[in-house]
Amino acid sequence: MSSTTLPARGVPWRRATLQARWFKPAVFVLALLPMADLVWRAFSQRLGANPEQALLWATGLWALRFLLITLAVTPLRVLTGWTELARLRRMLGLFSFSYAALHFTTYFGLVMGFSVARVLQDAARHPFVLAGMATLAILAALASTSTNGIIRRMGAARWRMLHRLVYAAGVLGVFHYWWGKLAKNNTADPKLYALVLAVLLGWRIYRAIAARRR
């Protein structure tokens, strides 16, 4: 059996797993599964009585899930010592943006009929729509500056300052989802996502305070 098949002696299994060639592609494929499921349901006409709303809710929910997963990468890396998890953060963030872009495309095209005027009127009447647009704008800015070349041109300090906006995107994303569900008289799921975000933000604040005291 070749040396690439088994981890070297003394190398933790989790490190060897993340360094394996198949691990990152496997996560990539898993992240595509929700979209594959939506495409299959759309072509087989299994999206229910209101397919536009089904697509809208599903793409928005997965955008928020991937955003929270992305925010959880650093705490998990620090708490577990699993430093190789950082290799997945950029990809997960790009998936969050991709699902958010699909969410907006569904809203703009299938719900609003590609009418800018209707979108602006809807945003003026519903603050959560504006919050969703702000979330997408932040994610677009972060996605467009995620390459190594852009990081070098911006400089590490400015790049880190910009990418701290991911926490603002998390807050706006949860607000967007919560208010949208509130309109349907159902806040059970948003409370769970809000709790996860609160824990992640609390961990970040705790780390920042601890670092200043050193």
C-alpha atoms as a PDB file:
ATOM      1  CA  MET A   1       0.000   0.000   0.000  1.00  0.00           C
ATOM      2  CA  SER A   2       1.415   3.402  -0.983  1.00  0.00           C
ATOM      3  CA  SER A   3       2.479   6.047   1.513  1.00  0.00           C
ATOM      4  CA  THR A   4      -0.288   8.353   0.325  1.00  0.00           C
ATOM      5  CA  THR A   5      -2.936   5.852   1.383  1.00  0.00           C
ATOM      6  CA  LEU A   6      -2.185   5.804   5.089  1.00  0.00           C
ATOM      7  CA  PRO A   7      -1.204   8.751   7.313  1.00  0.00           C
ATOM      8  CA  ALA A   8       2.354   8.827   8.555  1.00  0.00           C
ATOM      9  CA  ARG A   9       3.047   7.629  12.079  1.00  0.00           C
ATOM     10  CA  GLY A  10       2.380  10.353  14.639  1.00  0.00           C
ATOM     11  CA  VAL A  11       0.118  12.409  12.368  1.00  0.00           C
ATOM     12  CA  PRO A  12      -3.372  12.792  13.890  1.00  0.00           C
ATOM     13  CA  TRP A  13      -6.155  11.152  11.877  1.00  0.00           C
ATOM     14  CA  ARG A  14      -8.116  14.396  11.600  1.00  0.00           C
ATOM     15  CA  ARG A  15      -5.109  16.202  10.095  1.00  0.00           C
ATOM     16  CA  ALA A  16      -4.458  13.391   7.641  1.00  0.00           C
ATOM     17  CA  THR A  17      -8.133  13.416   6.684  1.00  0.00           C
ATOM     18  CA  LEU A  18      -8.191  17.129   5.858  1.00  0.00           C
ATOM     19  CA  GLN A  19      -4.898  16.843   3.981  1.00  0.00           C
ATOM     20  CA  ALA A  20      -6.264  13.995   1.869  1.00  0.00           C
ATOM     21  CA  ARG A  21      -7.004  14.969  -1.703  1.00  0.00           C
ATOM     22  CA  TRP A  22     -10.588  13.791  -1.495  1.00  0.00           C
ATOM     23  CA  PHE A  23     -11.688  15.729   1.589  1.00  0.00           C
ATOM     24  CA  LYS A  24     -12.158  19.237   0.185  1.00  0.00           C
ATOM     25  CA  PRO A  25     -13.835  17.967  -3.024  1.00  0.00           C
ATOM     26  CA  ALA A  26     -16.133  15.854  -0.835  1.00  0.00           C
ATOM     27  CA  VAL A  27     -17.202  18.929   1.146  1.00  0.00           C
ATOM     28  CA  PHE A  28     -17.702  20.763  -2.163  1.00  0.00           C
ATOM     29  CA  VAL A  29     -20.023  18.031  -3.431  1.00  0.00           C
ATOM     30  CA  LEU A  30     -21.961  17.965  -0.153  1.00  0.00           C
ATOM     31  CA  ALA A  31     -22.456  21.728  -0.391  1.00  0.00           C
ATOM     32  CA  LEU A  32     -23.923  21.273  -3.868  1.00  0.00           C
ATOM     33  CA  LEU A  33     -26.462  18.682  -2.750  1.00  0.00           C
ATOM     34  CA  PRO A  34     -29.141  21.208  -1.646  1.00  0.00           C
ATOM     35  CA  MET A  35     -29.012  22.821  -5.079  1.00  0.00           C
ATOM     36  CA  ALA A  36     -29.121  19.450  -6.815  1.00  0.00           C
ATOM     37  CA  ASP A  37     -32.170  18.560  -4.735  1.00  0.00           C
ATOM     38  CA  LEU A  38     -33.906  21.801  -5.700  1.00  0.00           C
ATOM     39  CA  VAL A  39     -33.137  21.293  -9.395  1.00  0.00           C
ATOM     40  CA  TRP A  40     -34.469  17.727  -9.278  1.00  0.00           C
ATOM     41  CA  ARG A  41     -37.625  18.802  -7.447  1.00  0.00           C
ATOM     42  CA  ALA A  42     -38.153  21.661  -9.903  1.00  0.00           C
ATOM     43  CA  PHE A  43     -37.876  19.437 -12.988  1.00  0.00           C
ATOM     44  CA  SER A  44     -40.016  16.732 -11.414  1.00  0.00           C
ATOM     45  CA  GLN A  45     -42.596  19.327 -10.318  1.00  0.00           C
ATOM     46  CA  ARG A  46     -42.263  18.481  -6.630  1.00  0.00           C
ATOM     47  CA  LEU A  47     -41.843  21.973  -5.230  1.00  0.00           C
ATOM     48  CA  GLY A  48     -45.441  22.170  -4.051  1.00  0.00           C
ATOM     49  CA  ALA A  49     -48.288  24.477  -4.925  1.00  0.00           C
ATOM     50  CA  ASN A  50     -46.074  27.570  -4.877  1.00  0.00           C
ATOM     51  CA  PRO A  51     -42.720  26.614  -6.455  1.00  0.00           C
ATOM     52  CA  GLU A  52     -41.415  30.193  -6.516  1.00  0.00           C
ATOM     53  CA  GLN A  53     -41.798  30.540  -2.754  1.00  0.00           C
ATOM     54  CA  ALA A  54     -40.326  27.071  -2.201  1.00  0.00           C
ATOM     55  CA  LEU A  55     -37.216  28.028  -4.164  1.00  0.00           C
ATOM     56  CA  LEU A  56     -37.049  31.395  -2.429  1.00  0.00           C
ATOM     57  CA  TRP A  57     -37.166  29.943   1.077  1.00  0.00           C
ATOM     58  CA  ALA A  58     -34.804  27.047   0.355  1.00  0.00           C
ATOM     59  CA  THR A  59     -32.052  29.125  -1.283  1.00  0.00           C
ATOM     60  CA  GLY A  60     -32.264  31.798   1.418  1.00  0.00           C
ATOM     61  CA  LEU A  61     -32.136  29.237   4.202  1.00  0.00           C
ATOM     62  CA  TRP A  62     -29.072  27.507   2.759  1.00  0.00           C
ATOM     63  CA  ALA A  63     -27.349  30.850   2.269  1.00  0.00           C
ATOM     64  CA  LEU A  64     -27.846  31.573   5.979  1.00  0.00           C
ATOM     65  CA  ARG A  65     -26.759  28.074   7.004  1.00  0.00           C
ATOM     66  CA  PHE A  66     -23.524  28.291   5.038  1.00  0.00           C
ATOM     67  CA  LEU A  67     -22.890  31.757   6.435  1.00  0.00           C
ATOM     68  CA  LEU A  68     -23.187  30.470   9.999  1.00  0.00           C
ATOM     69  CA  ILE A  69     -21.059  27.426   9.174  1.00  0.00           C
ATOM     70  CA  THR A  70     -18.408  29.758   7.780  1.00  0.00           C
ATOM     71  CA  LEU A  71     -18.491  31.835  10.974  1.00  0.00           C
ATOM     72  CA  ALA A  72     -18.148  28.651  13.016  1.00  0.00           C
ATOM     73  CA  VAL A  73     -14.943  27.520  11.294  1.00  0.00           C
ATOM     74  CA  THR A  74     -12.566  29.703  13.346  1.00  0.00           C
ATOM     75  CA  PRO A  75     -14.105  28.875  16.762  1.00  0.00           C
ATOM     76  CA  LEU A  76     -14.008  25.171  15.924  1.00  0.00           C
ATOM     77  CA  ARG A  77     -10.415  25.471  14.753  1.00  0.00           C
ATOM     78  CA  VAL A  78      -9.348  27.253  17.939  1.00  0.00           C
ATOM     79  CA  LEU A  79     -11.298  25.023  20.332  1.00  0.00           C
ATOM     80  CA  THR A  80     -10.283  21.730  18.721  1.00  0.00           C
ATOM     81  CA  GLY A  81      -6.798  22.610  17.495  1.00  0.00           C
ATOM     82  CA  TRP A  82      -7.898  21.347  14.076  1.00  0.00           C
ATOM     83  CA  THR A  83      -6.021  24.071  12.191  1.00  0.00           C
ATOM     84  CA  GLU A  84      -6.632  22.539   8.766  1.00  0.00           C
ATOM     85  CA  LEU A  85     -10.311  23.499   9.030  1.00  0.00           C
ATOM     86  CA  ALA A  86      -9.256  26.971   7.897  1.00  0.00           C
ATOM     87  CA  ARG A  87      -8.774  25.531   4.414  1.00  0.00           C
ATOM     88  CA  LEU A  88     -12.545  25.152   4.107  1.00  0.00           C
ATOM     89  CA  ARG A  89     -13.548  28.645   5.232  1.00  0.00           C
ATOM     90  CA  ARG A  90     -13.163  30.420   1.890  1.00  0.00           C
ATOM     91  CA  MET A  91     -15.055  27.746  -0.009  1.00  0.00           C
ATOM     92  CA  LEU A  92     -17.910  27.707   2.511  1.00  0.00           C
ATOM     93  CA  GLY A  93     -18.151  31.498   2.364  1.00  0.00           C
ATOM     94  CA  LEU A  94     -18.378  31.367  -1.424  1.00  0.00           C
ATOM     95  CA  PHE A  95     -21.178  28.834  -1.159  1.00  0.00           C
ATOM     96  CA  SER A  96     -23.031  31.184   1.177  1.00  0.00           C
ATOM     97  CA  PHE A  97     -22.730  33.952  -1.414  1.00  0.00           C
ATOM     98  CA  SER A  98     -23.761  31.603  -4.231  1.00  0.00           C
ATOM     99  CA  TYR A  99     -26.948  30.511  -2.480  1.00  0.00           C
ATOM    100  CA  ALA A 100     -27.683  34.131  -1.513  1.00  0.00           C
ATOM    101  CA  ALA A 101     -27.281  35.179  -5.153  1.00  0.00           C
ATOM    102  CA  LEU A 102     -29.666  32.406  -6.218  1.00  0.00           C
ATOM    103  CA  HIS A 103     -32.061  33.551  -3.498  1.00  0.00           C
ATOM    104  CA  PHE A 104     -32.064  37.098  -4.847  1.00  0.00           C
ATOM    105  CA  THR A 105     -32.310  35.902  -8.458  1.00  0.00           C
ATOM    106  CA  THR A 106     -35.380  33.850  -7.548  1.00  0.00           C
ATOM    107  CA  TYR A 107     -36.891  36.840  -5.774  1.00  0.00           C
ATOM    108  CA  PHE A 108     -36.073  39.317  -8.547  1.00  0.00           C
ATOM    109  CA  GLY A 109     -37.000  37.074 -11.453  1.00  0.00           C
ATOM    110  CA  LEU A 110     -39.717  34.662 -10.387  1.00  0.00           C
ATOM    111  CA  VAL A 111     -41.419  36.693  -7.657  1.00  0.00           C
ATOM    112  CA  MET A 112     -40.967  40.272  -8.883  1.00  0.00           C
ATOM    113  CA  GLY A 113     -40.917  39.563 -12.611  1.00  0.00           C
ATOM    114  CA  PHE A 114     -37.573  41.353 -13.123  1.00  0.00           C
ATOM    115  CA  SER A 115     -39.192  44.652 -12.157  1.00  0.00           C
ATOM    116  CA  VAL A 116     -36.772  47.029 -10.439  1.00  0.00           C
ATOM    117  CA  ALA A 117     -39.651  49.317  -9.503  1.00  0.00           C
ATOM    118  CA  ARG A 118     -41.490  46.496  -7.707  1.00  0.00           C
ATOM    119  CA  VAL A 119     -38.321  45.511  -5.849  1.00  0.00           C
ATOM    120  CA  LEU A 120     -37.752  49.087  -4.688  1.00  0.00           C
ATOM    121  CA  GLN A 121     -41.367  49.392  -3.554  1.00  0.00           C
ATOM    122  CA  ASP A 122     -41.108  46.088  -1.676  1.00  0.00           C
ATOM    123  CA  ALA A 123     -37.875  47.200   0.018  1.00  0.00           C
ATOM    124  CA  ALA A 124     -39.489  50.483   1.047  1.00  0.00           C
ATOM    125  CA  ARG A 125     -42.441  48.665   2.640  1.00  0.00           C
ATOM    126  CA  HIS A 126     -40.500  45.804   4.255  1.00  0.00           C
ATOM    127  CA  PRO A 127     -37.226  46.499   6.116  1.00  0.00           C
ATOM    128  CA  PHE A 128     -36.304  42.806   6.050  1.00  0.00           C
ATOM    129  CA  VAL A 129     -36.085  42.968   2.238  1.00  0.00           C
ATOM    130  CA  LEU A 130     -33.606  45.829   2.534  1.00  0.00           C
ATOM    131  CA  ALA A 131     -31.670  43.823   5.132  1.00  0.00           C
ATOM    132  CA  GLY A 132     -31.499  40.905   2.722  1.00  0.00           C
ATOM    133  CA  MET A 133     -30.137  43.140  -0.030  1.00  0.00           C
ATOM    134  CA  ALA A 134     -27.531  44.553   2.345  1.00  0.00           C
ATOM    135  CA  THR A 135     -26.510  41.009   3.295  1.00  0.00           C
ATOM    136  CA  LEU A 136     -26.083  40.083  -0.357  1.00  0.00           C
ATOM    137  CA  ALA A 137     -24.030  43.228  -1.013  1.00  0.00           C
ATOM    138  CA  ILE A 138     -21.674  42.399   1.857  1.00  0.00           C
ATOM    139  CA  LEU A 139     -21.293  38.792   0.749  1.00  0.00           C
ATOM    140  CA  ALA A 140     -20.605  39.950  -2.806  1.00  0.00           C
ATOM    141  CA  ALA A 141     -17.876  42.278  -1.561  1.00  0.00           C
ATOM    142  CA  LEU A 142     -16.309  39.491   0.496  1.00  0.00           C
ATOM    143  CA  ALA A 143     -16.534  36.964  -2.354  1.00  0.00           C
ATOM    144  CA  SER A 144     -14.936  39.364  -4.837  1.00  0.00           C
ATOM    145  CA  THR A 145     -11.965  39.935  -2.514  1.00  0.00           C
ATOM    146  CA  SER A 146     -11.388  36.299  -1.561  1.00  0.00           C
ATOM    147  CA  THR A 147      -8.564  35.523  -4.004  1.00  0.00           C
ATOM    148  CA  ASN A 148      -4.917  35.486  -2.972  1.00  0.00           C
ATOM    149  CA  GLY A 149      -4.080  38.182  -5.534  1.00  0.00           C
ATOM    150  CA  ILE A 150      -6.661  40.593  -4.117  1.00  0.00           C
ATOM    151  CA  ILE A 151      -5.451  39.915  -0.579  1.00  0.00           C
ATOM    152  CA  ARG A 152      -1.881  40.814  -1.601  1.00  0.00           C
ATOM    153  CA  ARG A 153      -3.010  43.997  -3.350  1.00  0.00           C
ATOM    154  CA  MET A 154      -5.226  45.127  -0.470  1.00  0.00           C
ATOM    155  CA  GLY A 155      -2.762  44.232   2.257  1.00  0.00           C
ATOM    156  CA  ALA A 156      -3.522  41.871   5.126  1.00  0.00           C
ATOM    157  CA  ALA A 157      -4.695  44.581   7.550  1.00  0.00           C
ATOM    158  CA  ARG A 158      -7.216  46.182   5.181  1.00  0.00           C
ATOM    159  CA  TRP A 159      -8.384  42.791   3.973  1.00  0.00           C
ATOM    160  CA  ARG A 160      -9.055  41.595   7.523  1.00  0.00           C
ATOM    161  CA  MET A 161     -10.910  44.818   8.328  1.00  0.00           C
ATOM    162  CA  LEU A 162     -13.157  44.355   5.291  1.00  0.00           C
ATOM    163  CA  HIS A 163     -13.821  40.709   6.027  1.00  0.00           C
ATOM    164  CA  ARG A 164     -14.954  41.471   9.559  1.00  0.00           C
ATOM    165  CA  LEU A 165     -18.142  42.596   7.831  1.00  0.00           C
ATOM    166  CA  VAL A 166     -19.046  38.916   7.668  1.00  0.00           C
ATOM    167  CA  TYR A 167     -20.419  39.326  11.207  1.00  0.00           C
ATOM    168  CA  ALA A 168     -22.630  42.193  10.048  1.00  0.00           C
ATOM    169  CA  ALA A 169     -23.814  39.939   7.240  1.00  0.00           C
ATOM    170  CA  GLY A 170     -24.695  37.312   9.835  1.00  0.00           C
ATOM    171  CA  VAL A 171     -26.754  39.761  11.883  1.00  0.00           C
ATOM    172  CA  LEU A 172     -28.545  41.127   8.820  1.00  0.00           C
ATOM    173  CA  GLY A 173     -29.116  37.624   7.448  1.00  0.00           C
ATOM    174  CA  VAL A 174     -30.730  36.406  10.662  1.00  0.00           C
ATOM    175  CA  PHE A 175     -32.870  39.568  10.824  1.00  0.00           C
ATOM    176  CA  HIS A 176     -33.922  39.062   7.207  1.00  0.00           C
ATOM    177  CA  TYR A 177     -34.933  35.447   7.879  1.00  0.00           C
ATOM    178  CA  TRP A 178     -36.572  36.136  11.243  1.00  0.00           C
ATOM    179  CA  TRP A 179     -38.711  39.020   9.979  1.00  0.00           C
ATOM    180  CA  GLY A 180     -39.685  37.042   6.888  1.00  0.00           C
ATOM    181  CA  LYS A 181     -40.802  34.113   9.030  1.00  0.00           C
ATOM    182  CA  LEU A 182     -42.542  36.508  11.431  1.00  0.00           C
ATOM    183  CA  ALA A 183     -44.722  37.612   8.547  1.00  0.00           C
ATOM    184  CA  LYS A 184     -45.786  33.961   8.307  1.00  0.00           C
ATOM    185  CA  ASN A 185     -46.393  33.748  12.098  1.00  0.00           C
ATOM    186  CA  ASN A 186     -43.571  31.234  12.555  1.00  0.00           C
ATOM    187  CA  THR A 187     -40.369  32.174  14.413  1.00  0.00           C
ATOM    188  CA  ALA A 188     -39.279  28.745  15.672  1.00  0.00           C
ATOM    189  CA  ASP A 189     -36.425  28.269  13.198  1.00  0.00           C
ATOM    190  CA  PRO A 190     -35.181  31.890  13.262  1.00  0.00           C
ATOM    191  CA  LYS A 191     -34.782  31.671  17.041  1.00  0.00           C
ATOM    192  CA  LEU A 192     -32.445  28.723  16.616  1.00  0.00           C
ATOM    193  CA  TYR A 193     -30.342  30.517  14.000  1.00  0.00           C
ATOM    194  CA  ALA A 194     -30.296  33.665  16.137  1.00  0.00           C
ATOM    195  CA  LEU A 195     -29.037  31.615  19.083  1.00  0.00           C
ATOM    196  CA  VAL A 196     -26.243  30.087  16.997  1.00  0.00           C
ATOM    197  CA  LEU A 197     -25.225  33.539  15.780  1.00  0.00           C
ATOM    198  CA  ALA A 198     -25.311  34.937  19.326  1.00  0.00           C
ATOM    199  CA  VAL A 199     -22.974  32.166  20.510  1.00  0.00           C
ATOM    200  CA  LEU A 200     -20.563  32.811  17.634  1.00  0.00           C
ATOM    201  CA  LEU A 201     -20.569  36.571  18.199  1.00  0.00           C
ATOM    202  CA  GLY A 202     -20.199  36.081  21.958  1.00  0.00           C
ATOM    203  CA  TRP A 203     -17.160  33.876  21.378  1.00  0.00           C
ATOM    204  CA  ARG A 204     -15.628  36.513  19.111  1.00  0.00           C
ATOM    205  CA  ILE A 205     -16.216  39.292  21.644  1.00  0.00           C
ATOM    206  CA  TYR A 206     -14.795  37.156  24.467  1.00  0.00           C
ATOM    207  CA  ARG A 207     -11.645  36.458  22.450  1.00  0.00           C
ATOM    208  CA  ALA A 208     -11.212  40.139  21.626  1.00  0.00           C
ATOM    209  CA  ILE A 209     -11.552  41.175  25.291  1.00  0.00           C
ATOM    210  CA  ALA A 210      -9.182  38.421  26.418  1.00  0.00           C
ATOM    211  CA  ALA A 211      -6.589  39.483  23.834  1.00  0.00           C
ATOM    212  CA  ARG A 212      -6.654  43.112  25.072  1.00  0.00           C
ATOM    213  CA  ARG A 213      -6.096  42.026  28.665  1.00  0.00           C
ATOM    214  CA  ARG A 214      -2.930  40.143  27.857  1.00  0.00           C
END
